[in-house]
Amino acid sequence: MTELKRKHRLHVWQWVVIGLATFLIGAVIVFAGYFLYNSVNSLPANTNDIATAKQNTAIQVVDKGSYYAVLPSVSSSNSAVIFYPGAFVEPSAYIGRYAELAQKGIAVFIVRSPFNFALLDVNRADRIMRENPDITKWYVAGHSLGGVAACEYAKSHQAKLSGLILLASYCNGNATSLTIPVLSISGTRDGLATPQKITDSKKNLPASAQFVSVEGAN
């Protein structure tokens, strides 16, 4: 009788393990499908914005393969922003907006990450810095999930940086040890990085961090 009970318990555990394994495999498949779908259907760039930027003789837009360089064409810059796009957004979508910054003499490098997911390529900034040695002042910035990636890079490389800029974003975990300037810019009508979430994020940033809220922005 004892042997029968033992075999029965073993049989039950076998089915439990099979059930759990099936559930986990299914969950992985669903997540992978969702991830790939969003990657393939990333928010597109405004082609008119890109065309306008490329026609602007004050700047030059260069596709470097793993990143876009938006550079002042009149003179070389010693300051630059390395920008991490939001999740599932085409990196080129930011070219038009950052053309204005380049026109003012600040070089901008827009990271192109695998699957348009910045957290998969947090250290891309290292290559950008290495390939542009004439620049002496580096800032990292990011929009939404890209801000999380920028903060992760800053936490372990702040000796290389002059500042961190978060756009509708916040750091993942404690970043109070940052000694570089931190600027957080958010919108009052943002439904994802809500004003409350931005307020809550203050405890994870240094006391010197500056917060700017754009009224009516989403």
N, C-alpha and C. Protein backbone atom coordinates (compact mmCIF):
# COMPACT_ATOMS: atom_id res chain seq x y z
N MET A 1 0.83 -1.20 0.00
CA MET A 1 0.00 0.00 0.00
C MET A 1 0.87 1.26 0.00
N THR A 2 1.93 1.22 0.79
CA THR A 2 2.85 2.36 0.87
C THR A 2 3.51 2.60 -0.48
N GLU A 3 3.86 1.52 -1.16
CA GLU A 3 4.48 1.64 -2.47
C GLU A 3 3.52 2.27 -3.48
N LEU A 4 2.23 1.91 -3.39
CA LEU A 4 1.22 2.48 -4.28
C LEU A 4 1.06 3.98 -4.04
N LYS A 5 1.06 4.37 -2.75
CA LYS A 5 0.95 5.80 -2.43
C LYS A 5 2.15 6.57 -2.96
N ARG A 6 3.33 5.96 -2.81
CA ARG A 6 4.53 6.63 -3.30
C ARG A 6 4.48 6.83 -4.80
N LYS A 7 4.05 5.80 -5.53
CA LYS A 7 3.95 5.91 -6.99
C LYS A 7 2.89 6.93 -7.39
N HIS A 8 1.81 6.99 -6.59
CA HIS A 8 0.74 7.94 -6.90
C HIS A 8 1.24 9.38 -6.72
N ARG A 9 1.96 9.63 -5.61
CA ARG A 9 2.50 10.96 -5.38
C ARG A 9 3.50 11.36 -6.48
N LEU A 10 4.33 10.37 -6.89
CA LEU A 10 5.30 10.63 -7.94
C LEU A 10 4.59 10.98 -9.24
N HIS A 11 3.50 10.25 -9.51
CA HIS A 11 2.72 10.49 -10.73
C HIS A 11 2.12 11.90 -10.70
N VAL A 12 1.60 12.31 -9.55
CA VAL A 12 1.01 13.64 -9.41
C VAL A 12 2.06 14.72 -9.63
N TRP A 13 3.24 14.53 -9.01
CA TRP A 13 4.30 15.52 -9.17
C TRP A 13 4.77 15.62 -10.61
N GLN A 14 4.78 14.51 -11.31
CA GLN A 14 5.17 14.53 -12.72
C GLN A 14 4.22 15.41 -13.53
N TRP A 15 2.93 15.29 -13.24
CA TRP A 15 1.94 16.10 -13.94
C TRP A 15 2.04 17.58 -13.55
N VAL A 16 2.37 17.83 -12.28
CA VAL A 16 2.56 19.21 -11.84
C VAL A 16 3.72 19.86 -12.59
N VAL A 17 4.84 19.11 -12.68
CA VAL A 17 6.02 19.62 -13.38
C VAL A 17 5.72 19.86 -14.85
N ILE A 18 5.01 18.89 -15.48
CA ILE A 18 4.64 19.04 -16.89
C ILE A 18 3.74 20.26 -17.09
N GLY A 19 2.80 20.45 -16.17
CA GLY A 19 1.89 21.59 -16.25
C GLY A 19 2.62 22.91 -16.14
N LEU A 20 3.53 22.99 -15.16
CA LEU A 20 4.30 24.22 -14.98
C LEU A 20 5.19 24.51 -16.18
N ALA A 21 5.83 23.47 -16.69
CA ALA A 21 6.71 23.64 -17.85
C ALA A 21 5.91 24.12 -19.06
N THR A 22 4.73 23.54 -19.25
CA THR A 22 3.87 23.94 -20.37
C THR A 22 3.45 25.40 -20.23
N PHE A 23 3.09 25.80 -18.99
CA PHE A 23 2.68 27.18 -18.74
C PHE A 23 3.83 28.15 -19.02
N LEU A 24 5.03 27.82 -18.54
CA LEU A 24 6.18 28.70 -18.74
C LEU A 24 6.54 28.82 -20.21
N ILE A 25 6.51 27.71 -20.93
CA ILE A 25 6.82 27.75 -22.36
C ILE A 25 5.79 28.60 -23.09
N GLY A 26 4.53 28.42 -22.73
CA GLY A 26 3.46 29.22 -23.35
C GLY A 26 3.64 30.70 -23.06
N ALA A 27 4.01 31.03 -21.80
CA ALA A 27 4.20 32.43 -21.43
C ALA A 27 5.36 33.04 -22.22
N VAL A 28 6.44 32.28 -22.37
CA VAL A 28 7.60 32.77 -23.13
C VAL A 28 7.22 33.01 -24.59
N ILE A 29 6.44 32.10 -25.17
CA ILE A 29 6.02 32.24 -26.56
C ILE A 29 5.14 33.48 -26.74
N VAL A 30 4.20 33.67 -25.80
CA VAL A 30 3.32 34.83 -25.88
C VAL A 30 4.12 36.13 -25.75
N PHE A 31 5.05 36.17 -24.78
CA PHE A 31 5.86 37.37 -24.59
C PHE A 31 6.74 37.64 -25.81
N ALA A 32 7.36 36.58 -26.34
CA ALA A 32 8.22 36.75 -27.51
C ALA A 32 7.41 37.26 -28.70
N GLY A 33 6.20 36.72 -28.86
CA GLY A 33 5.34 37.17 -29.95
C GLY A 33 4.95 38.62 -29.81
N TYR A 34 4.59 38.99 -28.58
CA TYR A 34 4.23 40.39 -28.30
C TYR A 34 5.41 41.31 -28.56
N PHE A 35 6.59 40.89 -28.10
CA PHE A 35 7.80 41.70 -28.25
C PHE A 35 8.14 41.89 -29.73
N LEU A 36 8.12 40.79 -30.49
CA LEU A 36 8.47 40.87 -31.91
C LEU A 36 7.44 41.67 -32.69
N TYR A 37 6.17 41.51 -32.34
CA TYR A 37 5.12 42.25 -33.02
C TYR A 37 5.33 43.76 -32.85
N ASN A 38 5.60 44.17 -31.62
CA ASN A 38 5.81 45.59 -31.35
C ASN A 38 7.08 46.11 -32.00
N SER A 39 8.10 45.25 -32.06
CA SER A 39 9.35 45.66 -32.70
C SER A 39 9.14 45.90 -34.20
N VAL A 40 8.46 44.96 -34.85
CA VAL A 40 8.21 45.07 -36.29
C VAL A 40 7.29 46.26 -36.59
N ASN A 41 6.36 46.51 -35.66
CA ASN A 41 5.40 47.60 -35.85
C ASN A 41 5.75 48.83 -35.00
N SER A 42 7.03 49.12 -34.90
CA SER A 42 7.48 50.28 -34.12
C SER A 42 6.87 51.57 -34.67
N LEU A 43 6.68 52.53 -33.77
CA LEU A 43 6.14 53.82 -34.19
C LEU A 43 7.06 54.43 -35.24
N PRO A 44 6.52 54.79 -36.41
CA PRO A 44 7.37 55.24 -37.51
C PRO A 44 7.81 56.69 -37.38
N ALA A 45 8.80 57.04 -38.15
CA ALA A 45 9.28 58.42 -38.20
C ALA A 45 8.42 59.22 -39.16
N ASN A 46 8.40 60.52 -38.96
CA ASN A 46 7.75 61.44 -39.89
C ASN A 46 8.76 61.73 -41.00
N THR A 47 8.51 61.19 -42.16
CA THR A 47 9.49 61.32 -43.25
C THR A 47 9.69 62.77 -43.67
N ASN A 48 8.67 63.59 -43.51
CA ASN A 48 8.83 65.01 -43.85
C ASN A 48 9.83 65.69 -42.91
N ASP A 49 9.77 65.31 -41.62
CA ASP A 49 10.71 65.88 -40.65
C ASP A 49 12.15 65.51 -41.01
N ILE A 50 12.34 64.26 -41.41
CA ILE A 50 13.69 63.79 -41.76
C ILE A 50 14.18 64.52 -43.01
N ALA A 51 13.30 64.64 -44.00
CA ALA A 51 13.67 65.32 -45.25
C ALA A 51 14.05 66.77 -44.98
N THR A 52 13.28 67.43 -44.13
CA THR A 52 13.57 68.82 -43.79
C THR A 52 14.92 68.95 -43.10
N ALA A 53 15.20 68.01 -42.17
CA ALA A 53 16.48 68.02 -41.46
C ALA A 53 17.64 67.83 -42.43
N LYS A 54 17.49 66.93 -43.38
CA LYS A 54 18.57 66.65 -44.33
C LYS A 54 18.79 67.80 -45.30
N GLN A 55 17.76 68.61 -45.51
CA GLN A 55 17.90 69.75 -46.41
C GLN A 55 18.48 70.98 -45.71
N ASN A 56 18.58 70.90 -44.39
CA ASN A 56 19.09 72.01 -43.60
C ASN A 56 20.62 72.06 -43.74
N THR A 57 21.12 73.10 -44.38
CA THR A 57 22.57 73.18 -44.64
C THR A 57 23.39 73.46 -43.38
N ALA A 58 22.71 73.83 -42.28
CA ALA A 58 23.42 74.11 -41.03
C ALA A 58 23.80 72.83 -40.28
N ILE A 59 23.21 71.71 -40.69
CA ILE A 59 23.50 70.45 -40.02
C ILE A 59 23.76 69.36 -41.06
N GLN A 60 24.26 68.24 -40.58
CA GLN A 60 24.40 67.06 -41.43
C GLN A 60 23.89 65.85 -40.67
N VAL A 61 23.15 65.01 -41.36
CA VAL A 61 22.61 63.79 -40.78
C VAL A 61 23.34 62.60 -41.39
N VAL A 62 23.99 61.81 -40.54
CA VAL A 62 24.80 60.69 -41.02
C VAL A 62 24.31 59.40 -40.38
N ASP A 63 24.05 58.39 -41.22
CA ASP A 63 23.66 57.07 -40.73
C ASP A 63 24.94 56.26 -40.48
N LYS A 64 25.24 56.02 -39.21
CA LYS A 64 26.46 55.29 -38.85
C LYS A 64 26.21 53.79 -38.64
N GLY A 65 25.03 53.33 -39.00
CA GLY A 65 24.71 51.91 -38.84
C GLY A 65 24.10 51.61 -37.50
N SER A 66 24.87 51.72 -36.44
CA SER A 66 24.36 51.45 -35.10
C SER A 66 23.84 52.70 -34.40
N TYR A 67 23.96 53.84 -35.08
CA TYR A 67 23.41 55.08 -34.54
C TYR A 67 23.33 56.13 -35.64
N TYR A 68 22.50 57.14 -35.41
CA TYR A 68 22.43 58.30 -36.30
C TYR A 68 23.23 59.44 -35.67
N ALA A 69 23.98 60.14 -36.49
CA ALA A 69 24.71 61.32 -36.03
C ALA A 69 24.06 62.55 -36.65
N VAL A 70 23.62 63.48 -35.81
CA VAL A 70 23.04 64.74 -36.27
C VAL A 70 24.01 65.82 -35.82
N LEU A 71 24.76 66.37 -36.77
CA LEU A 71 25.92 67.18 -36.43
C LEU A 71 25.84 68.59 -36.99
N PRO A 72 26.42 69.56 -36.27
CA PRO A 72 26.55 70.91 -36.83
C PRO A 72 27.50 70.84 -38.02
N SER A 73 27.14 71.44 -39.14
CA SER A 73 28.00 71.35 -40.33
C SER A 73 28.97 72.51 -40.45
N VAL A 74 28.72 73.59 -39.71
CA VAL A 74 29.57 74.78 -39.81
C VAL A 74 30.88 74.57 -39.08
N SER A 75 30.82 74.07 -37.87
CA SER A 75 32.03 73.88 -37.08
C SER A 75 31.89 72.61 -36.24
N SER A 76 33.02 72.08 -35.81
CA SER A 76 32.98 70.89 -34.98
C SER A 76 32.49 71.25 -33.58
N SER A 77 31.86 70.29 -32.93
CA SER A 77 31.32 70.54 -31.59
C SER A 77 32.14 69.80 -30.55
N ASN A 78 32.28 70.42 -29.37
CA ASN A 78 32.97 69.71 -28.29
C ASN A 78 31.97 69.18 -27.26
N SER A 79 30.66 69.37 -27.53
CA SER A 79 29.61 68.88 -26.64
C SER A 79 28.62 68.04 -27.43
N ALA A 80 28.13 66.99 -26.80
CA ALA A 80 27.21 66.10 -27.51
C ALA A 80 26.24 65.41 -26.56
N VAL A 81 25.10 65.05 -27.12
CA VAL A 81 24.08 64.28 -26.40
C VAL A 81 23.95 62.92 -27.07
N ILE A 82 24.05 61.88 -26.27
CA ILE A 82 23.77 60.52 -26.76
C ILE A 82 22.35 60.20 -26.33
N PHE A 83 21.48 59.96 -27.30
CA PHE A 83 20.05 59.83 -27.03
C PHE A 83 19.57 58.40 -27.24
N TYR A 84 18.87 57.87 -26.21
CA TYR A 84 18.28 56.54 -26.28
C TYR A 84 16.77 56.68 -26.54
N PRO A 85 16.28 56.18 -27.69
CA PRO A 85 14.85 56.31 -28.02
C PRO A 85 13.95 55.51 -27.08
N GLY A 86 12.66 55.88 -27.11
CA GLY A 86 11.67 55.12 -26.37
C GLY A 86 11.48 53.73 -26.97
N ALA A 87 10.91 52.83 -26.20
CA ALA A 87 10.71 51.45 -26.66
C ALA A 87 9.79 51.40 -27.88
N PHE A 88 10.22 50.63 -28.88
CA PHE A 88 9.43 50.38 -30.08
C PHE A 88 9.08 51.68 -30.82
N VAL A 89 10.05 52.58 -30.87
CA VAL A 89 9.95 53.80 -31.67
C VAL A 89 11.14 53.80 -32.64
N GLU A 90 10.87 54.06 -33.91
CA GLU A 90 11.96 54.13 -34.88
C GLU A 90 12.94 55.24 -34.46
N PRO A 91 14.21 54.93 -34.30
CA PRO A 91 15.18 55.95 -33.88
C PRO A 91 15.20 57.19 -34.78
N SER A 92 14.96 57.00 -36.07
CA SER A 92 14.99 58.13 -36.99
C SER A 92 13.86 59.12 -36.71
N ALA A 93 12.86 58.71 -35.92
CA ALA A 93 11.74 59.60 -35.58
C ALA A 93 12.21 60.82 -34.79
N TYR A 94 13.39 60.72 -34.18
CA TYR A 94 13.90 61.82 -33.36
C TYR A 94 14.83 62.77 -34.12
N ILE A 95 15.16 62.43 -35.36
CA ILE A 95 16.12 63.24 -36.11
C ILE A 95 15.62 64.67 -36.30
N GLY A 96 14.37 64.80 -36.72
CA GLY A 96 13.82 66.13 -36.98
C GLY A 96 13.82 67.02 -35.76
N ARG A 97 13.48 66.45 -34.60
CA ARG A 97 13.41 67.24 -33.37
C ARG A 97 14.79 67.67 -32.90
N TYR A 98 15.75 66.79 -33.04
CA TYR A 98 17.08 67.11 -32.53
C TYR A 98 17.93 67.88 -33.53
N ALA A 99 17.39 68.10 -34.73
CA ALA A 99 18.09 68.94 -35.70
C ALA A 99 18.27 70.34 -35.15
N GLU A 100 17.28 70.82 -34.37
CA GLU A 100 17.37 72.16 -33.78
C GLU A 100 18.54 72.27 -32.81
N LEU A 101 18.76 71.21 -32.04
CA LEU A 101 19.87 71.22 -31.09
C LEU A 101 21.21 71.22 -31.83
N ALA A 102 21.29 70.42 -32.90
CA ALA A 102 22.52 70.38 -33.70
C ALA A 102 22.78 71.73 -34.35
N GLN A 103 21.71 72.39 -34.74
CA GLN A 103 21.87 73.71 -35.37
C GLN A 103 22.45 74.73 -34.40
N LYS A 104 22.28 74.47 -33.11
CA LYS A 104 22.82 75.37 -32.09
C LYS A 104 24.22 74.96 -31.64
N GLY A 105 24.79 73.98 -32.33
CA GLY A 105 26.18 73.63 -32.07
C GLY A 105 26.40 72.40 -31.20
N ILE A 106 25.31 71.69 -30.84
CA ILE A 106 25.44 70.49 -30.01
C ILE A 106 25.25 69.26 -30.89
N ALA A 107 26.24 68.40 -30.94
CA ALA A 107 26.11 67.16 -31.70
C ALA A 107 25.15 66.21 -31.00
N VAL A 108 24.36 65.48 -31.78
CA VAL A 108 23.40 64.53 -31.23
C VAL A 108 23.62 63.17 -31.87
N PHE A 109 23.69 62.15 -31.04
CA PHE A 109 23.86 60.78 -31.52
C PHE A 109 22.68 59.95 -31.03
N ILE A 110 21.89 59.43 -31.97
CA ILE A 110 20.67 58.70 -31.65
C ILE A 110 20.95 57.20 -31.78
N VAL A 111 20.83 56.50 -30.68
CA VAL A 111 21.16 55.08 -30.63
C VAL A 111 20.14 54.25 -31.41
N ARG A 112 20.64 53.30 -32.18
CA ARG A 112 19.78 52.32 -32.87
C ARG A 112 19.99 50.97 -32.19
N SER A 113 19.01 50.54 -31.43
CA SER A 113 19.13 49.33 -30.62
C SER A 113 18.45 48.13 -31.29
N PRO A 114 18.88 46.91 -30.95
CA PRO A 114 18.19 45.72 -31.47
C PRO A 114 16.71 45.76 -31.10
N PHE A 115 15.86 45.46 -32.07
CA PHE A 115 14.40 45.41 -31.87
C PHE A 115 13.82 46.75 -31.40
N ASN A 116 14.56 47.84 -31.57
CA ASN A 116 14.12 49.16 -31.10
C ASN A 116 13.77 49.14 -29.62
N PHE A 117 14.65 48.52 -28.84
CA PHE A 117 14.45 48.36 -27.40
C PHE A 117 15.77 48.72 -26.72
N ALA A 118 15.85 49.95 -26.22
CA ALA A 118 17.13 50.52 -25.77
C ALA A 118 17.83 49.71 -24.68
N LEU A 119 17.08 49.04 -23.83
CA LEU A 119 17.71 48.28 -22.74
C LEU A 119 18.55 47.12 -23.24
N LEU A 120 18.40 46.76 -24.52
CA LEU A 120 19.22 45.69 -25.08
C LEU A 120 20.58 46.18 -25.54
N ASP A 121 20.79 47.50 -25.47
CA ASP A 121 22.06 48.05 -25.96
C ASP A 121 22.47 49.27 -25.13
N VAL A 122 22.44 49.12 -23.83
CA VAL A 122 22.74 50.24 -22.93
C VAL A 122 24.12 50.81 -23.16
N ASN A 123 25.10 49.96 -23.45
CA ASN A 123 26.49 50.42 -23.58
C ASN A 123 26.87 50.91 -24.97
N ARG A 124 25.87 51.15 -25.83
CA ARG A 124 26.18 51.69 -27.16
C ARG A 124 26.92 53.02 -27.05
N ALA A 125 26.70 53.75 -25.96
CA ALA A 125 27.38 55.04 -25.77
C ALA A 125 28.89 54.90 -25.82
N ASP A 126 29.42 53.77 -25.36
CA ASP A 126 30.88 53.56 -25.37
C ASP A 126 31.43 53.65 -26.79
N ARG A 127 30.75 53.00 -27.71
CA ARG A 127 31.22 53.01 -29.10
C ARG A 127 31.12 54.41 -29.70
N ILE A 128 30.02 55.10 -29.40
CA ILE A 128 29.84 56.45 -29.93
C ILE A 128 30.96 57.36 -29.45
N MET A 129 31.28 57.28 -28.16
CA MET A 129 32.36 58.09 -27.61
C MET A 129 33.71 57.74 -28.25
N ARG A 130 33.92 56.46 -28.43
CA ARG A 130 35.19 55.99 -29.00
C ARG A 130 35.36 56.47 -30.44
N GLU A 131 34.27 56.53 -31.19
CA GLU A 131 34.34 56.90 -32.59
C GLU A 131 34.29 58.42 -32.81
N ASN A 132 34.12 59.17 -31.73
CA ASN A 132 34.06 60.63 -31.83
C ASN A 132 34.95 61.25 -30.76
N PRO A 133 36.26 61.04 -30.85
CA PRO A 133 37.20 61.44 -29.78
C PRO A 133 37.37 62.94 -29.60
N ASP A 134 36.96 63.74 -30.59
CA ASP A 134 37.14 65.19 -30.47
C ASP A 134 36.15 65.83 -29.50
N ILE A 135 35.09 65.11 -29.19
CA ILE A 135 34.08 65.65 -28.27
C ILE A 135 34.53 65.42 -26.83
N THR A 136 34.46 66.46 -26.02
CA THR A 136 34.96 66.37 -24.65
C THR A 136 33.86 66.38 -23.59
N LYS A 137 32.68 66.88 -23.93
CA LYS A 137 31.57 66.92 -22.97
C LYS A 137 30.43 66.05 -23.48
N TRP A 138 30.12 65.01 -22.71
CA TRP A 138 29.10 64.06 -23.13
C TRP A 138 27.92 64.06 -22.15
N TYR A 139 26.73 64.07 -22.71
CA TYR A 139 25.50 63.93 -21.93
C TYR A 139 24.74 62.72 -22.47
N VAL A 140 24.09 61.99 -21.60
CA VAL A 140 23.20 60.92 -22.05
C VAL A 140 21.77 61.33 -21.74
N ALA A 141 20.87 61.02 -22.66
CA ALA A 141 19.47 61.36 -22.51
C ALA A 141 18.63 60.23 -23.04
N GLY A 142 17.37 60.18 -22.61
CA GLY A 142 16.50 59.13 -23.12
C GLY A 142 15.04 59.47 -22.91
N HIS A 143 14.23 59.00 -23.83
CA HIS A 143 12.78 59.19 -23.77
C HIS A 143 12.12 57.89 -23.30
N SER A 144 11.26 57.99 -22.31
CA SER A 144 10.50 56.84 -21.80
C SER A 144 11.48 55.72 -21.39
N LEU A 145 11.33 54.52 -21.96
CA LEU A 145 12.23 53.43 -21.58
C LEU A 145 13.68 53.75 -21.94
N GLY A 146 13.86 54.61 -22.95
CA GLY A 146 15.21 55.03 -23.29
C GLY A 146 15.87 55.80 -22.17
N GLY A 147 15.05 56.52 -21.37
CA GLY A 147 15.59 57.21 -20.21
C GLY A 147 16.09 56.26 -19.15
N VAL A 148 15.40 55.13 -19.02
CA VAL A 148 15.85 54.09 -18.09
C VAL A 148 17.22 53.57 -18.53
N ALA A 149 17.37 53.35 -19.85
CA ALA A 149 18.65 52.88 -20.38
C ALA A 149 19.75 53.92 -20.16
N ALA A 150 19.42 55.20 -20.40
CA ALA A 150 20.40 56.27 -20.20
C ALA A 150 20.85 56.33 -18.76
N CYS A 151 19.89 56.17 -17.83
CA CYS A 151 20.22 56.20 -16.41
C CYS A 151 21.10 55.01 -16.02
N GLU A 152 20.79 53.84 -16.56
CA GLU A 152 21.60 52.66 -16.26
C GLU A 152 23.05 52.89 -16.71
N TYR A 153 23.20 53.50 -17.88
CA TYR A 153 24.56 53.79 -18.35
C TYR A 153 25.24 54.81 -17.43
N ALA A 154 24.49 55.84 -17.06
CA ALA A 154 25.07 56.90 -16.22
C ALA A 154 25.52 56.36 -14.87
N LYS A 155 24.75 55.45 -14.29
CA LYS A 155 25.09 54.92 -12.97
C LYS A 155 26.44 54.23 -12.94
N SER A 156 26.85 53.65 -14.06
CA SER A 156 28.13 52.93 -14.06
C SER A 156 29.22 53.62 -14.87
N HIS A 157 28.90 54.79 -15.48
CA HIS A 157 29.90 55.48 -16.30
C HIS A 157 29.91 56.99 -16.06
N GLN A 158 29.50 57.42 -14.87
CA GLN A 158 29.33 58.86 -14.71
C GLN A 158 30.64 59.65 -14.81
N ALA A 159 31.75 58.99 -14.62
CA ALA A 159 33.04 59.69 -14.77
C ALA A 159 33.25 60.19 -16.20
N LYS A 160 32.56 59.59 -17.16
CA LYS A 160 32.68 60.00 -18.56
C LYS A 160 31.69 61.09 -18.94
N LEU A 161 30.75 61.38 -18.05
CA LEU A 161 29.59 62.20 -18.43
C LEU A 161 29.56 63.56 -17.76
N SER A 162 28.86 64.48 -18.43
CA SER A 162 28.62 65.82 -17.88
C SER A 162 27.19 66.00 -17.42
N GLY A 163 26.33 65.01 -17.70
CA GLY A 163 24.95 65.13 -17.25
C GLY A 163 24.05 64.04 -17.79
N LEU A 164 22.88 63.92 -17.16
CA LEU A 164 21.85 62.95 -17.54
C LEU A 164 20.53 63.69 -17.73
N ILE A 165 19.83 63.40 -18.83
CA ILE A 165 18.55 64.04 -19.12
C ILE A 165 17.48 62.96 -19.30
N LEU A 166 16.41 63.06 -18.51
CA LEU A 166 15.30 62.11 -18.58
C LEU A 166 14.09 62.80 -19.19
N LEU A 167 13.57 62.24 -20.27
CA LEU A 167 12.40 62.81 -20.94
C LEU A 167 11.21 61.87 -20.76
N ALA A 168 10.24 62.31 -19.95
CA ALA A 168 9.08 61.47 -19.62
C ALA A 168 9.57 60.11 -19.14
N SER A 169 10.50 60.14 -18.22
CA SER A 169 11.15 58.91 -17.79
C SER A 169 11.68 59.04 -16.37
N TYR A 170 12.23 57.95 -15.88
CA TYR A 170 12.83 57.95 -14.56
C TYR A 170 13.81 56.78 -14.47
N CYS A 171 14.60 56.77 -13.41
CA CYS A 171 15.60 55.71 -13.24
C CYS A 171 14.97 54.46 -12.65
N ASN A 172 15.52 53.34 -13.03
CA ASN A 172 15.08 52.06 -12.46
C ASN A 172 15.93 51.77 -11.23
N GLY A 173 15.35 51.93 -10.06
CA GLY A 173 16.10 51.71 -8.84
C GLY A 173 16.82 52.96 -8.38
N ASN A 174 17.68 52.79 -7.39
CA ASN A 174 18.34 53.90 -6.72
C ASN A 174 19.46 54.51 -7.57
N ALA A 175 19.35 55.81 -7.84
CA ALA A 175 20.41 56.52 -8.56
C ALA A 175 20.84 57.76 -7.78
N THR A 176 20.62 57.73 -6.48
CA THR A 176 20.95 58.91 -5.65
C THR A 176 22.45 59.14 -5.55
N SER A 177 23.25 58.15 -5.92
CA SER A 177 24.70 58.32 -5.84
C SER A 177 25.28 59.10 -7.02
N LEU A 178 24.44 59.43 -8.01
CA LEU A 178 24.92 60.20 -9.15
C LEU A 178 25.41 61.57 -8.68
N THR A 179 26.58 61.97 -9.14
CA THR A 179 27.12 63.28 -8.80
C THR A 179 27.06 64.24 -9.98
N ILE A 180 26.68 63.73 -11.16
CA ILE A 180 26.54 64.59 -12.33
C ILE A 180 25.17 65.27 -12.29
N PRO A 181 25.02 66.41 -12.98
CA PRO A 181 23.70 67.06 -13.04
C PRO A 181 22.66 66.16 -13.68
N VAL A 182 21.44 66.19 -13.14
CA VAL A 182 20.33 65.39 -13.67
C VAL A 182 19.16 66.33 -13.94
N LEU A 183 18.58 66.22 -15.14
CA LEU A 183 17.41 67.02 -15.51
C LEU A 183 16.29 66.09 -15.92
N SER A 184 15.12 66.27 -15.33
CA SER A 184 13.93 65.49 -15.68
C SER A 184 12.91 66.42 -16.31
N ILE A 185 12.48 66.09 -17.54
CA ILE A 185 11.47 66.88 -18.25
C ILE A 185 10.26 65.99 -18.51
N SER A 186 9.09 66.45 -18.12
CA SER A 186 7.89 65.64 -18.29
C SER A 186 6.70 66.51 -18.66
N GLY A 187 5.60 65.86 -19.06
CA GLY A 187 4.39 66.57 -19.44
C GLY A 187 3.29 66.37 -18.41
N THR A 188 2.48 67.40 -18.21
CA THR A 188 1.42 67.32 -17.19
C THR A 188 0.28 66.41 -17.60
N ARG A 189 0.18 66.07 -18.90
CA ARG A 189 -0.92 65.22 -19.35
C ARG A 189 -0.43 63.87 -19.87
N ASP A 190 0.76 63.49 -19.46
CA ASP A 190 1.32 62.20 -19.86
C ASP A 190 0.57 61.09 -19.14
N GLY A 191 0.02 60.15 -19.91
CA GLY A 191 -0.74 59.05 -19.30
C GLY A 191 0.11 57.87 -18.89
N LEU A 192 1.38 57.86 -19.27
CA LEU A 192 2.27 56.76 -18.91
C LEU A 192 3.25 57.20 -17.83
N ALA A 193 4.10 58.17 -18.16
CA ALA A 193 4.98 58.76 -17.14
C ALA A 193 4.19 59.90 -16.49
N THR A 194 3.21 59.52 -15.70
CA THR A 194 2.29 60.50 -15.12
C THR A 194 3.01 61.44 -14.15
N PRO A 195 2.41 62.61 -13.89
CA PRO A 195 3.01 63.53 -12.91
C PRO A 195 3.27 62.86 -11.57
N GLN A 196 2.38 61.96 -11.15
CA GLN A 196 2.58 61.28 -9.87
C GLN A 196 3.80 60.37 -9.91
N LYS A 197 3.97 59.64 -11.04
CA LYS A 197 5.14 58.77 -11.17
C LYS A 197 6.43 59.58 -11.19
N ILE A 198 6.40 60.72 -11.85
CA ILE A 198 7.58 61.58 -11.87
C ILE A 198 7.90 62.07 -10.47
N THR A 199 6.86 62.46 -9.73
CA THR A 199 7.06 62.90 -8.34
C THR A 199 7.64 61.77 -7.50
N ASP A 200 7.09 60.56 -7.67
CA ASP A 200 7.58 59.41 -6.91
C ASP A 200 9.03 59.08 -7.26
N SER A 201 9.44 59.41 -8.49
CA SER A 201 10.80 59.06 -8.93
C SER A 201 11.87 59.93 -8.27
N LYS A 202 11.45 61.03 -7.65
CA LYS A 202 12.43 61.95 -7.05
C LYS A 202 13.27 61.28 -5.98
N LYS A 203 12.67 60.33 -5.27
CA LYS A 203 13.40 59.68 -4.18
C LYS A 203 14.56 58.83 -4.69
N ASN A 204 14.55 58.48 -5.99
CA ASN A 204 15.62 57.67 -6.56
C ASN A 204 16.70 58.50 -7.25
N LEU A 205 16.53 59.82 -7.21
CA LEU A 205 17.51 60.71 -7.86
C LEU A 205 18.20 61.57 -6.82
N PRO A 206 19.37 62.11 -7.16
CA PRO A 206 20.06 62.99 -6.20
C PRO A 206 19.22 64.22 -5.88
N ALA A 207 19.41 64.76 -4.70
CA ALA A 207 18.62 65.92 -4.27
C ALA A 207 18.82 67.11 -5.19
N SER A 208 19.94 67.15 -5.89
CA SER A 208 20.23 68.28 -6.78
C SER A 208 19.52 68.18 -8.13
N ALA A 209 18.85 67.06 -8.41
CA ALA A 209 18.17 66.88 -9.70
C ALA A 209 17.13 67.97 -9.93
N GLN A 210 17.05 68.44 -11.16
CA GLN A 210 16.09 69.49 -11.51
C GLN A 210 14.92 68.88 -12.28
N PHE A 211 13.72 69.35 -11.98
CA PHE A 211 12.50 68.84 -12.61
C PHE A 211 11.79 69.98 -13.34
N VAL A 212 11.49 69.74 -14.61
CA VAL A 212 10.76 70.70 -15.42
C VAL A 212 9.49 70.02 -15.94
N SER A 213 8.35 70.63 -15.71
CA SER A 213 7.07 70.08 -16.16
C SER A 213 6.49 70.98 -17.24
N VAL A 214 6.17 70.38 -18.40
CA VAL A 214 5.64 71.13 -19.53
C VAL A 214 4.11 71.06 -19.48
N GLU A 215 3.48 72.17 -19.24
CA GLU A 215 2.03 72.23 -19.07
C GLU A 215 1.32 71.83 -20.37
N GLY A 216 0.40 70.86 -20.24
CA GLY A 216 -0.41 70.43 -21.39
C GLY A 216 0.22 69.38 -22.27
N ALA A 217 1.50 69.06 -22.05
CA ALA A 217 2.18 68.07 -22.89
C ALA A 217 1.78 66.66 -22.47
N ASN A 218 1.71 65.76 -23.48
CA ASN A 218 1.39 64.36 -23.15
C ASN A 218 2.56 63.47 -23.50
